[in-house]
Amino acid sequence: MEITWLGHSCFRIKGKSAVVITDPCHPSLGYSLDKLQADMVTLSHSHPGHCYIEAITGEFKQIKGPGEYEIKSTFITGIATFHDADRGETRGKNTVYLIEMDGMTLCHLGDLGHPLSSDVMEEIDDVEVLFLPVGGVSTIGSSTAAEIVRHLTPKIVIPMHYKTPSLTVELEPVDKFLKELGVNEIAPQSKLSVTLSNLPSSTKVIIFDYPH
């Protein structure tokens, strides 16, 4: 499996038999998405920074809400959560996605705006790769994000939705989250290749080169 960060909360996840793209972001946020191809596109909510499907070409399955989905041996489960700490009263709903691909389970938290309930925590337990927002302001911040990591203990943690030189909106930088986890400076990488056989034995944080 190959994972590439395309900006904000958008990733390209290429498995053996399918390609999933998460939360494609509008160019106004500062990231230029080339025309992308995918089998499935997950949308955590309808805000422009997370649902720019115009960037995707060809035929694909659009997934935008709770439920169970399957295509090309890839299983996706959408779990209902909220974009704020007021049960959606301020910013609406958010969908967390579990993606089962190549024998591994990935979890994309979208624009989660609150600590995870015990029920949701139980449902997404035992994930190999966790994508989580860490930039605060419109999502959970670094301390809540770090607490989620400690509870779920995924093999790989991929922070997202944080301030970079390209981003046009204000969020906290990823450094604050790393400090909360007690992680020293990490060398960014352009992409990540991961299989069941090369998963780290303990939780590892991956930082990507920021997209332009």
N, C-alpha and C. Protein backbone atom coordinates (compact mmCIF):
# COMPACT_ATOMS: atom_id res chain seq x y z
N MET A 1 0.84 -1.19 0.00
CA MET A 1 0.00 0.00 0.00
C MET A 1 0.88 1.24 0.00
N GLU A 2 0.47 2.22 -0.81
CA GLU A 2 1.24 3.47 -0.88
C GLU A 2 0.33 4.63 -0.50
N ILE A 3 0.79 5.45 0.45
CA ILE A 3 0.02 6.59 0.93
C ILE A 3 0.74 7.88 0.58
N THR A 4 0.01 8.80 -0.05
CA THR A 4 0.57 10.10 -0.43
C THR A 4 -0.32 11.20 0.11
N TRP A 5 0.28 12.23 0.71
CA TRP A 5 -0.49 13.37 1.20
C TRP A 5 -0.64 14.38 0.07
N LEU A 6 -1.88 14.81 -0.17
CA LEU A 6 -2.16 15.77 -1.23
C LEU A 6 -2.52 17.14 -0.67
N GLY A 7 -2.56 17.27 0.66
CA GLY A 7 -2.86 18.55 1.28
C GLY A 7 -4.06 18.49 2.21
N HIS A 8 -3.97 19.19 3.33
CA HIS A 8 -5.05 19.31 4.30
C HIS A 8 -5.43 17.93 4.85
N SER A 9 -6.62 17.42 4.52
CA SER A 9 -7.02 16.08 4.98
C SER A 9 -7.12 15.12 3.81
N CYS A 10 -6.53 15.49 2.69
CA CYS A 10 -6.64 14.71 1.46
C CYS A 10 -5.42 13.80 1.28
N PHE A 11 -5.70 12.51 1.15
CA PHE A 11 -4.66 11.51 0.91
C PHE A 11 -5.06 10.60 -0.25
N ARG A 12 -4.05 10.12 -0.94
CA ARG A 12 -4.26 9.07 -1.94
C ARG A 12 -3.72 7.78 -1.35
N ILE A 13 -4.61 6.80 -1.23
CA ILE A 13 -4.25 5.51 -0.65
C ILE A 13 -4.39 4.46 -1.75
N LYS A 14 -3.26 3.96 -2.21
CA LYS A 14 -3.26 3.01 -3.32
C LYS A 14 -2.95 1.61 -2.80
N GLY A 15 -3.95 0.73 -2.88
CA GLY A 15 -3.77 -0.66 -2.47
C GLY A 15 -3.52 -1.54 -3.67
N LYS A 16 -3.53 -2.83 -3.43
CA LYS A 16 -3.27 -3.78 -4.51
C LYS A 16 -4.36 -3.75 -5.58
N SER A 17 -5.60 -3.52 -5.17
CA SER A 17 -6.70 -3.61 -6.13
C SER A 17 -7.56 -2.36 -6.22
N ALA A 18 -7.29 -1.34 -5.41
CA ALA A 18 -8.13 -0.15 -5.43
C ALA A 18 -7.36 1.08 -4.97
N VAL A 19 -7.87 2.25 -5.39
CA VAL A 19 -7.33 3.54 -4.96
C VAL A 19 -8.43 4.32 -4.25
N VAL A 20 -8.14 4.78 -3.04
CA VAL A 20 -9.08 5.60 -2.28
C VAL A 20 -8.49 6.99 -2.11
N ILE A 21 -9.29 8.02 -2.32
CA ILE A 21 -8.89 9.39 -2.04
C ILE A 21 -9.81 9.93 -0.95
N THR A 22 -9.21 10.56 0.06
CA THR A 22 -9.99 11.09 1.18
C THR A 22 -10.08 12.61 1.10
N ASP A 23 -11.24 13.14 1.41
CA ASP A 23 -11.45 14.59 1.61
C ASP A 23 -10.69 15.49 0.63
N PRO A 24 -10.97 15.40 -0.69
CA PRO A 24 -10.28 16.31 -1.63
C PRO A 24 -10.58 17.76 -1.30
N CYS A 25 -9.54 18.61 -1.29
CA CYS A 25 -9.72 19.99 -0.84
C CYS A 25 -9.75 20.98 -2.00
N HIS A 26 -10.51 22.03 -1.81
CA HIS A 26 -10.67 23.09 -2.81
C HIS A 26 -9.34 23.84 -2.98
N PRO A 27 -8.99 24.25 -4.21
CA PRO A 27 -7.72 24.97 -4.44
C PRO A 27 -7.57 26.25 -3.63
N SER A 28 -8.68 26.83 -3.18
CA SER A 28 -8.60 28.08 -2.41
C SER A 28 -7.85 27.90 -1.09
N LEU A 29 -7.68 26.66 -0.65
CA LEU A 29 -6.94 26.40 0.58
C LEU A 29 -5.43 26.45 0.38
N GLY A 30 -5.00 26.52 -0.88
CA GLY A 30 -3.58 26.65 -1.15
C GLY A 30 -2.90 25.42 -1.71
N TYR A 31 -3.64 24.31 -1.80
CA TYR A 31 -3.08 23.08 -2.34
C TYR A 31 -3.65 22.83 -3.74
N SER A 32 -2.79 22.55 -4.68
CA SER A 32 -3.24 22.30 -6.05
C SER A 32 -3.36 20.81 -6.29
N LEU A 33 -4.59 20.33 -6.38
CA LEU A 33 -4.80 18.93 -6.69
C LEU A 33 -4.80 18.76 -8.21
N ASP A 34 -3.91 17.93 -8.69
CA ASP A 34 -3.96 17.59 -10.12
C ASP A 34 -5.19 16.73 -10.34
N LYS A 35 -5.53 16.50 -11.60
CA LYS A 35 -6.65 15.62 -11.88
C LYS A 35 -6.30 14.22 -11.38
N LEU A 36 -7.10 13.72 -10.48
CA LEU A 36 -6.80 12.46 -9.80
C LEU A 36 -7.78 11.38 -10.23
N GLN A 37 -7.32 10.15 -10.20
CA GLN A 37 -8.20 9.02 -10.47
C GLN A 37 -8.33 8.18 -9.21
N ALA A 38 -9.52 7.65 -8.99
CA ALA A 38 -9.76 6.84 -7.79
C ALA A 38 -10.92 5.89 -8.04
N ASP A 39 -10.96 4.84 -7.26
CA ASP A 39 -12.12 3.94 -7.26
C ASP A 39 -13.17 4.42 -6.27
N MET A 40 -12.70 4.99 -5.16
CA MET A 40 -13.59 5.52 -4.13
C MET A 40 -13.06 6.84 -3.60
N VAL A 41 -13.98 7.75 -3.29
CA VAL A 41 -13.62 9.03 -2.68
C VAL A 41 -14.47 9.20 -1.42
N THR A 42 -13.81 9.33 -0.27
CA THR A 42 -14.55 9.53 0.98
C THR A 42 -14.62 11.01 1.32
N LEU A 43 -15.80 11.45 1.73
CA LEU A 43 -16.03 12.85 2.10
C LEU A 43 -16.53 12.88 3.54
N SER A 44 -15.75 13.47 4.43
CA SER A 44 -16.13 13.46 5.85
C SER A 44 -17.27 14.42 6.15
N HIS A 45 -17.36 15.51 5.37
CA HIS A 45 -18.45 16.47 5.52
C HIS A 45 -18.44 17.39 4.30
N SER A 46 -19.42 18.28 4.23
CA SER A 46 -19.65 19.02 2.99
C SER A 46 -18.94 20.37 2.91
N HIS A 47 -18.04 20.69 3.82
CA HIS A 47 -17.31 21.96 3.74
C HIS A 47 -16.31 21.91 2.57
N PRO A 48 -16.07 23.04 1.89
CA PRO A 48 -15.27 23.06 0.65
C PRO A 48 -13.87 22.43 0.78
N GLY A 49 -13.28 22.53 1.95
CA GLY A 49 -11.94 21.99 2.12
C GLY A 49 -11.89 20.46 2.17
N HIS A 50 -13.07 19.83 2.02
CA HIS A 50 -13.12 18.38 2.22
C HIS A 50 -14.00 17.65 1.20
N CYS A 51 -14.53 18.35 0.22
CA CYS A 51 -15.47 17.68 -0.69
C CYS A 51 -15.33 18.16 -2.14
N TYR A 52 -14.10 18.51 -2.54
CA TYR A 52 -13.88 19.04 -3.89
C TYR A 52 -13.73 17.88 -4.88
N ILE A 53 -14.86 17.25 -5.20
CA ILE A 53 -14.81 16.08 -6.08
C ILE A 53 -14.50 16.45 -7.53
N GLU A 54 -14.53 17.76 -7.83
CA GLU A 54 -14.16 18.19 -9.19
C GLU A 54 -12.72 17.86 -9.53
N ALA A 55 -11.91 17.57 -8.51
CA ALA A 55 -10.51 17.21 -8.74
C ALA A 55 -10.36 15.76 -9.21
N ILE A 56 -11.44 14.98 -9.10
CA ILE A 56 -11.36 13.56 -9.42
C ILE A 56 -11.94 13.32 -10.80
N THR A 57 -11.21 12.57 -11.62
CA THR A 57 -11.67 12.28 -12.98
C THR A 57 -12.11 10.82 -13.08
N GLY A 58 -12.81 10.51 -14.17
CA GLY A 58 -13.23 9.14 -14.43
C GLY A 58 -14.39 8.71 -13.54
N GLU A 59 -14.64 7.42 -13.52
CA GLU A 59 -15.73 6.87 -12.72
C GLU A 59 -15.22 6.49 -11.34
N PHE A 60 -15.98 6.87 -10.31
CA PHE A 60 -15.60 6.53 -8.94
C PHE A 60 -16.83 6.50 -8.07
N LYS A 61 -16.73 5.80 -6.96
CA LYS A 61 -17.81 5.73 -5.98
C LYS A 61 -17.61 6.83 -4.95
N GLN A 62 -18.61 7.68 -4.82
CA GLN A 62 -18.55 8.78 -3.85
C GLN A 62 -19.19 8.31 -2.54
N ILE A 63 -18.43 8.41 -1.45
CA ILE A 63 -18.90 7.94 -0.16
C ILE A 63 -18.99 9.14 0.78
N LYS A 64 -20.19 9.43 1.24
CA LYS A 64 -20.36 10.64 2.05
C LYS A 64 -21.36 10.46 3.20
N GLY A 65 -21.02 9.56 4.08
CA GLY A 65 -21.87 9.40 5.25
C GLY A 65 -21.74 8.04 5.88
N PRO A 66 -22.40 7.85 7.03
CA PRO A 66 -22.34 6.57 7.73
C PRO A 66 -22.90 5.44 6.86
N GLY A 67 -22.38 4.24 7.09
CA GLY A 67 -22.84 3.08 6.34
C GLY A 67 -21.68 2.17 6.00
N GLU A 68 -21.98 1.11 5.26
CA GLU A 68 -20.95 0.15 4.86
C GLU A 68 -20.89 0.11 3.33
N TYR A 69 -19.67 0.11 2.82
CA TYR A 69 -19.46 0.17 1.38
C TYR A 69 -18.37 -0.83 0.99
N GLU A 70 -18.48 -1.35 -0.22
CA GLU A 70 -17.46 -2.30 -0.70
C GLU A 70 -17.27 -2.13 -2.20
N ILE A 71 -16.02 -2.09 -2.62
CA ILE A 71 -15.69 -2.09 -4.04
C ILE A 71 -14.26 -2.60 -4.19
N LYS A 72 -14.07 -3.48 -5.15
CA LYS A 72 -12.74 -4.02 -5.45
C LYS A 72 -11.99 -4.53 -4.21
N SER A 73 -12.67 -5.35 -3.43
CA SER A 73 -12.08 -5.98 -2.24
C SER A 73 -11.66 -4.99 -1.16
N THR A 74 -12.16 -3.77 -1.24
CA THR A 74 -11.91 -2.76 -0.20
C THR A 74 -13.22 -2.46 0.51
N PHE A 75 -13.18 -2.54 1.84
CA PHE A 75 -14.39 -2.31 2.64
C PHE A 75 -14.24 -1.00 3.41
N ILE A 76 -15.27 -0.18 3.34
CA ILE A 76 -15.25 1.10 4.05
C ILE A 76 -16.48 1.20 4.95
N THR A 77 -16.26 1.60 6.20
CA THR A 77 -17.36 1.81 7.14
C THR A 77 -17.35 3.26 7.58
N GLY A 78 -18.48 3.94 7.38
CA GLY A 78 -18.62 5.33 7.83
C GLY A 78 -19.30 5.38 9.19
N ILE A 79 -18.72 6.12 10.12
CA ILE A 79 -19.23 6.21 11.49
C ILE A 79 -19.59 7.66 11.80
N ALA A 80 -20.79 7.87 12.29
CA ALA A 80 -21.29 9.23 12.56
C ALA A 80 -20.61 9.84 13.77
N THR A 81 -20.06 11.06 13.58
CA THR A 81 -19.50 11.86 14.67
C THR A 81 -19.89 13.31 14.40
N PHE A 82 -19.23 14.25 15.09
CA PHE A 82 -19.58 15.66 14.92
C PHE A 82 -18.35 16.52 14.64
N HIS A 83 -18.61 17.67 14.02
CA HIS A 83 -17.55 18.61 13.64
C HIS A 83 -17.24 19.59 14.77
N ASP A 84 -17.93 19.45 15.89
CA ASP A 84 -17.72 20.35 17.02
C ASP A 84 -18.02 19.60 18.32
N ALA A 85 -17.86 20.27 19.42
CA ALA A 85 -18.10 19.65 20.73
C ALA A 85 -19.53 19.84 21.20
N ASP A 86 -20.41 20.39 20.32
CA ASP A 86 -21.80 20.67 20.68
C ASP A 86 -22.77 19.78 19.91
N ARG A 87 -22.35 18.55 19.63
CA ARG A 87 -23.16 17.58 18.90
C ARG A 87 -23.66 18.14 17.56
N GLY A 88 -22.78 18.87 16.89
CA GLY A 88 -23.08 19.37 15.56
C GLY A 88 -23.82 20.69 15.50
N GLU A 89 -24.10 21.29 16.66
CA GLU A 89 -24.88 22.53 16.68
C GLU A 89 -24.13 23.68 16.00
N THR A 90 -22.81 23.68 16.07
CA THR A 90 -22.02 24.79 15.52
C THR A 90 -21.57 24.53 14.09
N ARG A 91 -20.96 23.38 13.84
CA ARG A 91 -20.38 23.12 12.52
C ARG A 91 -20.98 21.91 11.81
N GLY A 92 -21.92 21.24 12.41
CA GLY A 92 -22.57 20.13 11.74
C GLY A 92 -21.93 18.78 12.03
N LYS A 93 -22.25 17.84 11.17
CA LYS A 93 -21.82 16.45 11.39
C LYS A 93 -20.48 16.17 10.70
N ASN A 94 -19.86 15.07 11.12
CA ASN A 94 -18.60 14.60 10.53
C ASN A 94 -18.68 13.08 10.47
N THR A 95 -18.10 12.52 9.42
CA THR A 95 -18.06 11.06 9.31
C THR A 95 -16.62 10.57 9.42
N VAL A 96 -16.42 9.64 10.33
CA VAL A 96 -15.13 8.94 10.46
C VAL A 96 -15.20 7.71 9.56
N TYR A 97 -14.11 7.43 8.83
CA TYR A 97 -14.12 6.26 7.94
C TYR A 97 -13.07 5.24 8.35
N LEU A 98 -13.53 3.99 8.44
CA LEU A 98 -12.63 2.85 8.57
C LEU A 98 -12.44 2.26 7.17
N ILE A 99 -11.21 2.07 6.76
CA ILE A 99 -10.90 1.56 5.43
C ILE A 99 -10.12 0.25 5.60
N GLU A 100 -10.72 -0.85 5.17
CA GLU A 100 -10.06 -2.15 5.25
C GLU A 100 -9.50 -2.49 3.88
N MET A 101 -8.17 -2.56 3.80
CA MET A 101 -7.49 -2.73 2.51
C MET A 101 -6.17 -3.48 2.73
N ASP A 102 -5.88 -4.41 1.86
CA ASP A 102 -4.61 -5.15 1.90
C ASP A 102 -4.33 -5.77 3.27
N GLY A 103 -5.38 -6.24 3.93
CA GLY A 103 -5.20 -6.91 5.22
C GLY A 103 -5.00 -5.98 6.39
N MET A 104 -5.10 -4.66 6.17
CA MET A 104 -4.92 -3.68 7.24
C MET A 104 -6.16 -2.81 7.38
N THR A 105 -6.31 -2.21 8.55
CA THR A 105 -7.41 -1.28 8.79
C THR A 105 -6.85 0.12 9.00
N LEU A 106 -7.34 1.06 8.20
CA LEU A 106 -6.95 2.47 8.32
C LEU A 106 -8.15 3.24 8.83
N CYS A 107 -7.91 4.30 9.55
CA CYS A 107 -9.00 5.14 10.06
C CYS A 107 -8.71 6.60 9.76
N HIS A 108 -9.64 7.24 9.05
CA HIS A 108 -9.54 8.67 8.73
C HIS A 108 -10.60 9.39 9.55
N LEU A 109 -10.15 10.26 10.46
CA LEU A 109 -11.07 10.90 11.41
C LEU A 109 -11.77 12.13 10.84
N GLY A 110 -11.44 12.53 9.60
CA GLY A 110 -12.10 13.70 9.02
C GLY A 110 -11.88 14.94 9.85
N ASP A 111 -12.91 15.77 9.97
CA ASP A 111 -12.83 16.99 10.78
C ASP A 111 -13.47 16.76 12.14
N LEU A 112 -12.99 15.76 12.83
CA LEU A 112 -13.52 15.46 14.15
C LEU A 112 -13.36 16.67 15.07
N GLY A 113 -14.44 17.01 15.79
CA GLY A 113 -14.40 18.21 16.62
C GLY A 113 -14.55 17.96 18.11
N HIS A 114 -14.41 16.70 18.54
CA HIS A 114 -14.64 16.37 19.95
C HIS A 114 -13.88 15.10 20.31
N PRO A 115 -13.65 14.85 21.61
CA PRO A 115 -13.04 13.57 22.00
C PRO A 115 -13.94 12.42 21.56
N LEU A 116 -13.36 11.29 21.22
CA LEU A 116 -14.16 10.16 20.79
C LEU A 116 -14.91 9.54 21.96
N SER A 117 -16.17 9.19 21.74
CA SER A 117 -16.94 8.49 22.77
C SER A 117 -16.40 7.08 22.93
N SER A 118 -16.72 6.44 24.03
CA SER A 118 -16.24 5.07 24.26
C SER A 118 -16.79 4.11 23.21
N ASP A 119 -18.03 4.35 22.75
CA ASP A 119 -18.63 3.50 21.73
C ASP A 119 -17.87 3.59 20.41
N VAL A 120 -17.57 4.82 19.99
CA VAL A 120 -16.83 5.00 18.74
C VAL A 120 -15.41 4.47 18.89
N MET A 121 -14.81 4.72 20.05
CA MET A 121 -13.45 4.23 20.31
C MET A 121 -13.40 2.72 20.17
N GLU A 122 -14.43 2.06 20.68
CA GLU A 122 -14.49 0.60 20.61
C GLU A 122 -14.66 0.14 19.16
N GLU A 123 -15.45 0.88 18.40
CA GLU A 123 -15.72 0.51 17.01
C GLU A 123 -14.48 0.65 16.13
N ILE A 124 -13.63 1.62 16.43
CA ILE A 124 -12.45 1.83 15.59
C ILE A 124 -11.18 1.31 16.25
N ASP A 125 -11.35 0.47 17.26
CA ASP A 125 -10.19 -0.11 17.93
C ASP A 125 -9.41 -1.00 16.98
N ASP A 126 -8.15 -1.16 17.24
CA ASP A 126 -7.29 -2.06 16.48
C ASP A 126 -7.08 -1.59 15.03
N VAL A 127 -6.64 -0.34 14.87
CA VAL A 127 -6.33 0.16 13.53
C VAL A 127 -4.81 0.21 13.35
N GLU A 128 -4.38 -0.08 12.14
CA GLU A 128 -2.95 -0.03 11.85
C GLU A 128 -2.49 1.39 11.53
N VAL A 129 -3.31 2.13 10.76
CA VAL A 129 -2.92 3.48 10.33
C VAL A 129 -4.03 4.46 10.71
N LEU A 130 -3.67 5.52 11.43
CA LEU A 130 -4.64 6.52 11.87
C LEU A 130 -4.30 7.88 11.29
N PHE A 131 -5.26 8.46 10.55
CA PHE A 131 -5.15 9.82 10.04
C PHE A 131 -5.97 10.71 10.98
N LEU A 132 -5.33 11.68 11.63
CA LEU A 132 -6.11 12.49 12.56
C LEU A 132 -5.77 13.97 12.47
N PRO A 133 -6.82 14.82 12.59
CA PRO A 133 -6.59 16.27 12.57
C PRO A 133 -5.91 16.71 13.85
N VAL A 134 -4.98 17.65 13.74
CA VAL A 134 -4.24 18.08 14.93
C VAL A 134 -4.16 19.60 15.05
N GLY A 135 -4.71 20.33 14.09
CA GLY A 135 -4.48 21.78 14.02
C GLY A 135 -5.42 22.66 14.79
N GLY A 136 -6.42 22.07 15.49
CA GLY A 136 -7.32 22.89 16.29
C GLY A 136 -8.16 23.83 15.46
N VAL A 137 -8.64 24.90 16.07
CA VAL A 137 -9.49 25.94 15.48
C VAL A 137 -10.85 25.38 15.08
N SER A 138 -10.90 24.56 14.02
CA SER A 138 -12.17 23.99 13.56
C SER A 138 -12.25 22.49 13.79
N THR A 139 -11.24 21.90 14.42
CA THR A 139 -11.25 20.48 14.76
C THR A 139 -10.63 20.30 16.14
N ILE A 140 -10.44 19.06 16.53
CA ILE A 140 -9.70 18.81 17.77
C ILE A 140 -8.30 19.39 17.65
N GLY A 141 -7.73 19.74 18.79
CA GLY A 141 -6.38 20.28 18.80
C GLY A 141 -5.37 19.21 19.20
N SER A 142 -4.17 19.64 19.47
CA SER A 142 -3.06 18.72 19.70
C SER A 142 -3.25 17.83 20.93
N SER A 143 -3.78 18.37 22.01
CA SER A 143 -3.89 17.57 23.24
C SER A 143 -4.93 16.46 23.09
N THR A 144 -6.10 16.80 22.51
CA THR A 144 -7.13 15.77 22.28
C THR A 144 -6.65 14.74 21.29
N ALA A 145 -5.95 15.20 20.24
CA ALA A 145 -5.41 14.28 19.23
C ALA A 145 -4.42 13.32 19.87
N ALA A 146 -3.56 13.82 20.73
CA ALA A 146 -2.57 12.97 21.40
C ALA A 146 -3.26 11.96 22.31
N GLU A 147 -4.33 12.38 22.96
CA GLU A 147 -5.07 11.46 23.84
C GLU A 147 -5.70 10.33 23.04
N ILE A 148 -6.22 10.64 21.86
CA ILE A 148 -6.80 9.61 20.99
C ILE A 148 -5.73 8.59 20.58
N VAL A 149 -4.55 9.09 20.25
CA VAL A 149 -3.45 8.20 19.88
C VAL A 149 -3.11 7.27 21.04
N ARG A 150 -3.08 7.79 22.23
CA ARG A 150 -2.73 6.96 23.40
C ARG A 150 -3.78 5.88 23.65
N HIS A 151 -5.05 6.22 23.39
CA HIS A 151 -6.12 5.24 23.60
C HIS A 151 -6.12 4.16 22.52
N LEU A 152 -5.94 4.56 21.26
CA LEU A 152 -6.06 3.62 20.14
C LEU A 152 -4.76 2.86 19.86
N THR A 153 -3.64 3.44 20.23
CA THR A 153 -2.30 2.86 19.97
C THR A 153 -2.17 2.25 18.57
N PRO A 154 -2.40 3.04 17.53
CA PRO A 154 -2.21 2.53 16.17
C PRO A 154 -0.72 2.29 15.89
N LYS A 155 -0.43 1.53 14.87
CA LYS A 155 0.96 1.29 14.50
C LYS A 155 1.56 2.54 13.86
N ILE A 156 0.76 3.22 13.03
CA ILE A 156 1.24 4.42 12.33
C ILE A 156 0.24 5.55 12.54
N VAL A 157 0.74 6.72 12.90
CA VAL A 157 -0.08 7.93 13.06
C VAL A 157 0.33 8.94 12.00
N ILE A 158 -0.66 9.42 11.25
CA ILE A 158 -0.41 10.43 10.23
C ILE A 158 -1.21 11.69 10.58
N PRO A 159 -0.55 12.73 11.13
CA PRO A 159 -1.25 13.98 11.42
C PRO A 159 -1.71 14.65 10.13
N MET A 160 -2.81 15.39 10.21
CA MET A 160 -3.33 16.12 9.04
C MET A 160 -4.04 17.37 9.53
N HIS A 161 -4.47 18.20 8.58
CA HIS A 161 -5.29 19.36 8.91
C HIS A 161 -4.55 20.28 9.88
N TYR A 162 -3.34 20.70 9.47
CA TYR A 162 -2.55 21.62 10.28
C TYR A 162 -1.91 22.68 9.38
N LYS A 163 -1.32 23.68 9.99
CA LYS A 163 -0.75 24.81 9.25
C LYS A 163 0.51 24.40 8.50
N THR A 164 0.57 24.78 7.22
CA THR A 164 1.79 24.64 6.42
C THR A 164 2.00 25.97 5.68
N PRO A 165 3.16 26.17 5.08
CA PRO A 165 3.38 27.40 4.32
C PRO A 165 2.39 27.57 3.15
N SER A 166 1.82 26.48 2.67
CA SER A 166 0.88 26.57 1.55
C SER A 166 -0.53 26.94 1.98
N LEU A 167 -0.91 26.56 3.19
CA LEU A 167 -2.30 26.69 3.62
C LEU A 167 -2.71 28.15 3.80
N THR A 168 -3.90 28.49 3.30
CA THR A 168 -4.37 29.87 3.33
C THR A 168 -5.24 30.19 4.55
N VAL A 169 -5.56 29.20 5.37
CA VAL A 169 -6.35 29.46 6.58
C VAL A 169 -5.47 29.21 7.80
N GLU A 170 -5.90 29.75 8.93
CA GLU A 170 -5.09 29.65 10.15
C GLU A 170 -5.40 28.39 10.94
N LEU A 171 -4.39 27.58 11.15
CA LEU A 171 -4.46 26.42 12.03
C LEU A 171 -3.17 26.35 12.82
N GLU A 172 -3.14 25.50 13.82
CA GLU A 172 -1.91 25.32 14.58
C GLU A 172 -0.94 24.44 13.78
N PRO A 173 0.37 24.63 13.97
CA PRO A 173 1.35 23.79 13.28
C PRO A 173 1.40 22.39 13.90
N VAL A 174 1.97 21.45 13.17
CA VAL A 174 2.04 20.06 13.64
C VAL A 174 2.99 19.91 14.83
N ASP A 175 3.94 20.83 14.98
CA ASP A 175 4.93 20.75 16.06
C ASP A 175 4.27 20.64 17.45
N LYS A 176 3.16 21.32 17.61
CA LYS A 176 2.48 21.32 18.90
C LYS A 176 1.98 19.90 19.24
N PHE A 177 1.46 19.22 18.24
CA PHE A 177 1.00 17.84 18.44
C PHE A 177 2.18 16.91 18.76
N LEU A 178 3.28 17.07 18.03
CA LEU A 178 4.46 16.24 18.28
C LEU A 178 4.96 16.42 19.71
N LYS A 179 4.93 17.66 20.18
CA LYS A 179 5.37 17.94 21.55
C LYS A 179 4.45 17.27 22.56
N GLU A 180 3.13 17.29 22.30
CA GLU A 180 2.16 16.64 23.18
C GLU A 180 2.43 15.14 23.30
N LEU A 181 2.86 14.54 22.19
CA LEU A 181 3.14 13.11 22.18
C LEU A 181 4.54 12.79 22.69
N GLY A 182 5.36 13.83 22.88
CA GLY A 182 6.73 13.62 23.31
C GLY A 182 7.62 13.08 22.20
N VAL A 183 7.27 13.46 20.95
CA VAL A 183 8.02 13.00 19.78
C VAL A 183 9.01 14.07 19.36
N ASN A 184 10.24 13.69 19.14
CA ASN A 184 11.24 14.64 18.67
C ASN A 184 11.04 14.95 17.19
N GLU A 185 11.81 15.87 16.67
CA GLU A 185 11.67 16.28 15.28
C GLU A 185 11.77 15.08 14.33
N ILE A 186 10.89 15.05 13.34
CA ILE A 186 10.83 13.94 12.40
C ILE A 186 11.17 14.44 11.00
N ALA A 187 11.96 13.68 10.28
CA ALA A 187 12.28 14.05 8.89
C ALA A 187 11.08 13.74 8.01
N PRO A 188 10.54 14.75 7.31
CA PRO A 188 9.39 14.51 6.43
C PRO A 188 9.76 13.60 5.27
N GLN A 189 8.76 12.87 4.76
CA GLN A 189 8.96 12.02 3.60
C GLN A 189 7.90 12.29 2.56
N SER A 190 8.18 11.94 1.31
CA SER A 190 7.28 12.28 0.22
C SER A 190 6.08 11.34 0.15
N LYS A 191 6.28 10.07 0.50
CA LYS A 191 5.18 9.11 0.52
C LYS A 191 5.52 7.99 1.47
N LEU A 192 4.55 7.13 1.72
CA LEU A 192 4.75 6.03 2.66
C LEU A 192 4.31 4.73 2.01
N SER A 193 5.19 3.75 2.00
CA SER A 193 4.83 2.41 1.55
C SER A 193 4.72 1.53 2.79
N VAL A 194 3.56 0.89 2.95
CA VAL A 194 3.34 0.11 4.16
C VAL A 194 2.65 -1.21 3.82
N THR A 195 3.11 -2.28 4.48
CA THR A 195 2.49 -3.60 4.35
C THR A 195 2.37 -4.18 5.76
N LEU A 196 1.63 -5.26 5.87
CA LEU A 196 1.51 -5.92 7.17
C LEU A 196 2.87 -6.32 7.72
N SER A 197 3.77 -6.69 6.82
CA SER A 197 5.07 -7.20 7.25
C SER A 197 6.05 -6.12 7.68
N ASN A 198 5.82 -4.86 7.26
CA ASN A 198 6.77 -3.82 7.65
C ASN A 198 6.20 -2.80 8.64
N LEU A 199 5.07 -3.14 9.27
CA LEU A 199 4.51 -2.25 10.29
C LEU A 199 5.45 -2.15 11.49
N PRO A 200 5.58 -0.96 12.07
CA PRO A 200 6.45 -0.83 13.25
C PRO A 200 5.86 -1.58 14.44
N SER A 201 6.71 -1.95 15.37
CA SER A 201 6.25 -2.71 16.54
C SER A 201 5.54 -1.82 17.56
N SER A 202 5.89 -0.54 17.56
CA SER A 202 5.20 0.42 18.44
C SER A 202 4.79 1.64 17.61
N THR A 203 3.95 2.49 18.19
CA THR A 203 3.38 3.61 17.44
C THR A 203 4.46 4.52 16.85
N LYS A 204 4.33 4.78 15.56
CA LYS A 204 5.28 5.65 14.86
C LYS A 204 4.52 6.77 14.18
N VAL A 205 5.00 8.01 14.31
CA VAL A 205 4.39 9.16 13.67
C VAL A 205 5.10 9.44 12.34
N ILE A 206 4.31 9.61 11.29
CA ILE A 206 4.84 9.92 9.97
C ILE A 206 4.47 11.35 9.57
N ILE A 207 5.43 12.14 9.18
CA ILE A 207 5.19 13.48 8.68
C ILE A 207 5.57 13.50 7.20
N PHE A 208 4.70 14.10 6.38
CA PHE A 208 4.97 14.18 4.95
C PHE A 208 5.51 15.56 4.57
N ASP A 209 6.25 15.61 3.48
CA ASP A 209 6.58 16.89 2.87
C ASP A 209 5.27 17.61 2.57
N TYR A 210 5.20 18.91 2.85
CA TYR A 210 3.93 19.58 2.61
C TYR A 210 3.72 19.82 1.12
N PRO A 211 2.51 19.54 0.64
CA PRO A 211 2.20 19.74 -0.79
C PRO A 211 2.10 21.21 -1.13
N HIS A 212 2.34 21.53 -2.38
CA HIS A 212 2.25 22.92 -2.86
C HIS A 212 0.97 23.11 -3.66
